[in-house]
C-alpha cells in the first residue's frame, strides 16, 4: 500500500533480570571486513616457508664460498705448475747447452791429443829414438813390465835409467798415471827414474838436451817413455 505508515522496527530489547528495555546491539555488518587485531601471529605455513628460504640462502652462500675457495686453490696450484714447468724448461735448456759444450770440449781434447801425438812422433823420429819405443802404454802395462823384468837380480839389465816425458801443461790428464808408473819402476825394480816436462818454448831442443844429460857418457840401458 502506497502512502501507508511504515512499520517501526523495535531495536530495543528487554533485560530479563530488570524488565527494562535497553538498546539492542547492532547486528554485525557482513559487507565490511573485521579488523585484525594488532600483533597477530603469522601463519604457521608462511613462517615455515620463510625459515626454509633463509636456510636455503645460508646454504647457498656457504656453497658459493666453498666454490670460491676451491677456485682460488686451483688457481694457485695452476701457478705452481706453471712455475715448475718453467723451471724444468730452464733446466732442460741448461742441460742442452752443457751437453753441447761437453761435446765441443771432447772434440777439442781429441784434436789436441792427435796434434800432440803427431808432434811427439815427429820428435822421436828426428832424434832417432824409435828403438826405445817398443813398450806402449796401455791398461796392462804393469803386467808387461813384470814379464819383461821378472826379477831384478836375474835379468840382464844391471843399470837402467827411465826417463818419463810428458807435456808441461798436462792437457791430457796423465799426471796420476805418470806418478803410478814412476812408483812401479822405482820401488818394484829400483830403477833410476826421472820425469821431464816438455816446455812450450823450444820443446825439441829442451827434450834433446834432457835426454843427453840423462843418459850421460856411460850410455846405460835407457827406457824413454812418452806420456
Protein backbone atom coordinates (compact mmCIF):
# COMPACT_ATOMS: atom_id res chain seq x y z
CA UNK A 1 0.00 0.00 0.00
CA UNK A 2 1.41 3.34 -1.05
CA UNK A 3 1.49 6.23 1.36
CA UNK A 4 0.77 3.99 4.32
CA UNK A 5 2.50 4.06 7.68
CA UNK A 6 5.82 2.24 7.74
CA UNK A 7 6.12 -0.40 10.37
CA UNK A 8 8.53 0.60 13.11
CA UNK A 9 11.17 -1.81 13.85
CA UNK A 10 11.94 -2.04 17.55
CA UNK A 11 15.58 -2.05 18.07
CA UNK A 12 15.33 -2.34 21.85
CA UNK A 13 15.22 -5.44 23.92
CA UNK A 14 14.05 -6.14 27.46
CA UNK A 15 16.57 -7.03 30.08
CA UNK A 16 15.35 -10.36 31.54
CA UNK A 17 16.61 -9.51 35.01
CA UNK A 18 15.20 -5.96 35.45
CA UNK A 19 12.49 -5.87 32.77
CA UNK A 20 13.87 -2.60 31.45
CA UNK A 21 14.18 -2.03 27.79
CA UNK A 22 17.66 -1.27 26.51
CA UNK A 23 19.19 -0.73 23.17
CA UNK A 24 19.85 -3.94 21.41
CA UNK A 25 23.32 -4.47 19.97
CA UNK A 26 23.59 -3.62 16.31
CA UNK A 27 23.96 -6.59 14.07
CA UNK A 28 27.36 -7.06 12.60
CA UNK A 29 27.71 -5.96 9.01
CA UNK A 30 28.77 -8.63 6.62
CA UNK A 31 29.89 -6.11 3.99
CA UNK A 32 32.82 -4.67 5.97
CA UNK A 33 35.76 -6.94 6.93
CA UNK A 34 36.54 -7.46 10.54
CA UNK A 35 39.55 -5.53 11.80
CA UNK A 36 42.53 -7.76 12.50
CA UNK A 37 43.94 -7.40 15.99
CA UNK A 38 47.40 -5.94 16.21
CA UNK A 39 50.40 -8.24 16.66
CA UNK A 40 48.56 -11.13 15.12
CA UNK A 41 50.84 -14.19 14.90
CA UNK A 42 51.97 -15.22 11.38
CA UNK A 43 50.50 -18.13 9.61
CA UNK A 44 52.43 -21.31 10.52
CA UNK A 45 52.68 -22.32 6.84
CA UNK A 46 54.06 -18.88 5.89
CA UNK A 47 56.52 -18.95 8.81
CA UNK A 48 57.72 -22.40 7.76
CA UNK A 49 58.25 -21.20 4.18
CA UNK A 50 60.16 -18.11 5.40
CA UNK A 51 62.58 -20.18 7.55
CA UNK A 52 63.15 -22.63 4.71
CA UNK A 53 64.12 -19.78 2.35
CA UNK A 54 66.52 -18.32 4.92
CA UNK A 55 68.17 -21.68 5.39
CA UNK A 56 68.40 -22.06 1.61
CA UNK A 57 70.09 -18.67 1.26
CA UNK A 58 72.54 -19.53 4.04
CA UNK A 59 73.36 -22.88 2.44
CA UNK A 60 73.75 -21.20 -0.95
CA UNK A 61 76.18 -18.64 0.50
CA UNK A 62 78.20 -21.46 2.09
CA UNK A 63 78.40 -23.37 -1.19
CA UNK A 64 79.43 -20.25 -3.09
CA UNK A 65 82.19 -19.54 -0.55
CA UNK A 66 83.45 -23.13 -0.78
CA UNK A 67 83.47 -22.90 -4.57
CA UNK A 68 85.37 -19.62 -4.42
CA UNK A 69 87.95 -21.16 -2.07
CA UNK A 70 88.34 -24.18 -4.39
CA UNK A 71 88.76 -21.89 -7.40
CA UNK A 72 91.44 -19.91 -5.52
CA UNK A 73 93.23 -23.14 -4.55
CA UNK A 74 93.15 -24.48 -8.11
CA UNK A 75 94.38 -21.14 -9.43
CA UNK A 76 97.34 -21.19 -7.04
CA UNK A 77 98.06 -24.83 -7.92
CA UNK A 78 98.00 -23.90 -11.60
CA UNK A 79 100.52 -21.13 -10.91
CA UNK A 80 102.75 -23.61 -9.08
CA UNK A 81 102.55 -26.00 -12.02
CA UNK A 82 103.44 -23.18 -14.40
CA UNK A 83 106.44 -22.23 -12.25
CA UNK A 84 107.60 -25.85 -12.09
CA UNK A 85 107.20 -26.24 -15.86
CA UNK A 86 109.25 -23.08 -16.41
CA UNK A 87 111.97 -24.37 -14.07
CA UNK A 88 112.06 -27.70 -15.93
CA UNK A 89 112.28 -25.92 -19.27
CA UNK A 90 115.14 -23.77 -17.96
CA UNK A 91 116.97 -26.85 -16.65
CA UNK A 92 116.46 -28.64 -19.96
CA UNK A 93 117.85 -25.67 -21.85
CA UNK A 94 120.83 -25.52 -19.50
CA UNK A 95 121.39 -29.27 -19.92
CA UNK A 96 121.36 -28.91 -23.71
CA UNK A 97 123.90 -26.09 -23.53
CA UNK A 98 126.09 -28.06 -21.12
CA UNK A 99 125.91 -31.17 -23.31
CA UNK A 100 126.86 -29.11 -26.34
CA UNK A 101 129.78 -27.55 -24.50
CA UNK A 102 130.87 -31.01 -23.34
CA UNK A 103 130.84 -32.36 -26.89
CA UNK A 104 132.78 -29.34 -28.11
CA UNK A 105 135.33 -29.80 -25.30
CA UNK A 106 135.69 -33.51 -26.11
CA UNK A 107 136.29 -32.65 -29.75
CA UNK A 108 138.92 -30.08 -28.79
CA UNK A 109 140.66 -32.61 -26.48
CA UNK A 110 140.58 -35.24 -29.24
CA UNK A 111 142.14 -32.83 -31.72
CA UNK A 112 144.75 -31.81 -29.15
CA UNK A 113 145.61 -35.45 -28.45
CA UNK A 114 146.08 -36.11 -32.14
CA UNK A 115 148.20 -32.99 -32.51
CA UNK A 116 150.37 -33.89 -29.51
CA UNK A 117 150.72 -37.47 -30.72
CA UNK A 118 151.82 -36.34 -34.17
CA UNK A 119 154.22 -33.86 -32.63
CA UNK A 120 155.81 -36.44 -30.30
CA UNK A 121 156.18 -38.97 -33.12
CA UNK A 122 157.96 -36.33 -35.15
CA UNK A 123 160.33 -35.60 -32.27
CA UNK A 124 161.05 -39.33 -31.80
CA UNK A 125 161.89 -39.74 -35.49
CA UNK A 126 164.06 -36.62 -35.57
CA UNK A 127 166.17 -37.76 -32.61
CA UNK A 128 166.40 -41.41 -33.57
CA UNK A 129 164.52 -42.70 -30.56
CA UNK A 130 162.28 -45.21 -32.36
CA UNK A 131 164.16 -48.23 -30.98
CA UNK A 132 163.31 -47.16 -27.43
CA UNK A 133 159.56 -47.17 -28.01
CA UNK A 134 158.96 -50.93 -28.01
CA UNK A 135 156.72 -50.86 -24.95
CA UNK A 136 153.45 -49.00 -25.46
CA UNK A 137 151.39 -47.70 -22.57
CA UNK A 138 148.04 -49.44 -22.02
CA UNK A 139 145.98 -50.90 -19.18
CA UNK A 140 148.26 -54.00 -18.90
CA UNK A 141 151.48 -52.05 -18.84
CA UNK A 142 152.34 -53.14 -15.30
CA UNK A 143 151.89 -56.82 -16.24
CA UNK A 144 154.10 -56.34 -19.28
CA UNK A 145 156.78 -54.84 -17.04
CA UNK A 146 156.64 -57.84 -14.73
CA UNK A 147 157.12 -60.20 -17.68
CA UNK A 148 159.94 -58.11 -19.12
CA UNK A 149 161.67 -57.76 -15.74
CA UNK A 150 160.64 -60.83 -13.68
CA UNK A 151 163.48 -60.48 -11.20
CA UNK A 152 165.89 -57.61 -10.71
CA UNK A 153 168.75 -59.99 -9.84
CA UNK A 154 168.25 -62.46 -12.70
CA UNK A 155 167.58 -60.17 -15.67
CA UNK A 156 170.30 -58.74 -17.87
CA UNK A 157 169.52 -55.11 -17.08
CA UNK A 158 172.09 -54.08 -14.48
CA UNK A 159 171.95 -50.31 -14.86
CA UNK A 160 168.65 -48.98 -16.14
CA UNK A 161 167.55 -45.40 -16.33
CA UNK A 162 163.95 -44.49 -17.04
CA UNK A 163 163.01 -41.08 -18.36
CA UNK A 164 159.28 -40.36 -18.45
CA UNK A 165 158.40 -37.42 -20.67
CA UNK A 166 155.13 -35.52 -20.58
CA UNK A 167 153.81 -32.15 -21.67
CA UNK A 168 154.15 -29.42 -19.10
CA UNK A 169 150.53 -28.30 -19.38
CA UNK A 170 149.22 -31.87 -18.85
CA UNK A 171 146.23 -31.19 -21.08
CA UNK A 172 145.67 -34.92 -21.45
CA UNK A 173 145.43 -35.51 -17.69
CA UNK A 174 148.11 -38.19 -17.35
CA UNK A 175 149.90 -36.89 -14.26
CA UNK A 176 148.40 -39.55 -12.00
CA UNK A 177 149.33 -42.36 -14.42
CA UNK A 178 152.86 -40.97 -14.68
CA UNK A 179 153.21 -40.99 -10.89
CA UNK A 180 151.97 -44.59 -10.73
CA UNK A 181 154.41 -45.65 -13.44
CA UNK A 182 157.26 -43.89 -11.66
CA UNK A 183 156.49 -45.76 -8.44
CA UNK A 184 156.47 -49.11 -10.29
CA UNK A 185 159.92 -48.56 -11.78
CA UNK A 186 161.37 -47.01 -8.65
CA UNK A 187 160.02 -49.31 -5.93
CA UNK A 188 159.48 -52.61 -7.77
CA UNK A 189 162.71 -52.63 -9.81
CA UNK A 190 164.89 -49.99 -8.12
CA UNK A 191 165.47 -48.27 -11.45
CA UNK A 192 166.78 -44.75 -11.72
CA UNK A 193 163.60 -42.90 -12.69
CA UNK A 194 163.27 -39.29 -13.74
CA UNK A 195 160.37 -37.26 -15.08
CA UNK A 196 160.69 -34.47 -17.62
CA UNK A 197 158.04 -31.96 -18.67
CA UNK A 198 158.43 -30.68 -22.21
CA UNK A 199 158.33 -26.87 -22.17
CA UNK A 200 156.29 -24.88 -24.65
CA UNK A 201 159.34 -22.83 -25.65
CA UNK A 202 161.75 -24.72 -27.95
CA UNK A 203 160.47 -28.17 -26.87
CA UNK A 204 162.64 -30.17 -29.30
CA UNK A 205 165.91 -28.66 -28.10
CA UNK A 206 164.86 -28.99 -24.47
CA UNK A 207 163.97 -32.67 -24.87
CA UNK A 208 167.17 -33.47 -26.76
CA UNK A 209 169.30 -31.78 -24.13
CA UNK A 210 167.47 -33.56 -21.30
CA UNK A 211 167.90 -36.98 -22.94
CA UNK A 212 171.64 -36.46 -23.49
CA UNK A 213 172.03 -35.20 -19.95
CA UNK A 214 170.08 -38.10 -18.51
CA UNK A 215 171.92 -40.83 -20.44
CA UNK A 216 175.36 -39.36 -19.83
CA UNK A 217 178.67 -40.76 -21.06
CA UNK A 218 178.19 -44.25 -19.63
CA UNK A 219 175.25 -44.91 -22.00
CA UNK A 220 173.44 -47.48 -19.87
CA UNK A 221 170.28 -49.22 -20.94
CA UNK A 222 167.75 -46.41 -21.07
CA UNK A 223 163.99 -46.63 -21.32
CA UNK A 224 162.39 -43.49 -22.73
CA UNK A 225 158.63 -43.22 -22.22
CA UNK A 226 156.36 -40.54 -23.67
CA UNK A 227 153.26 -39.95 -21.57
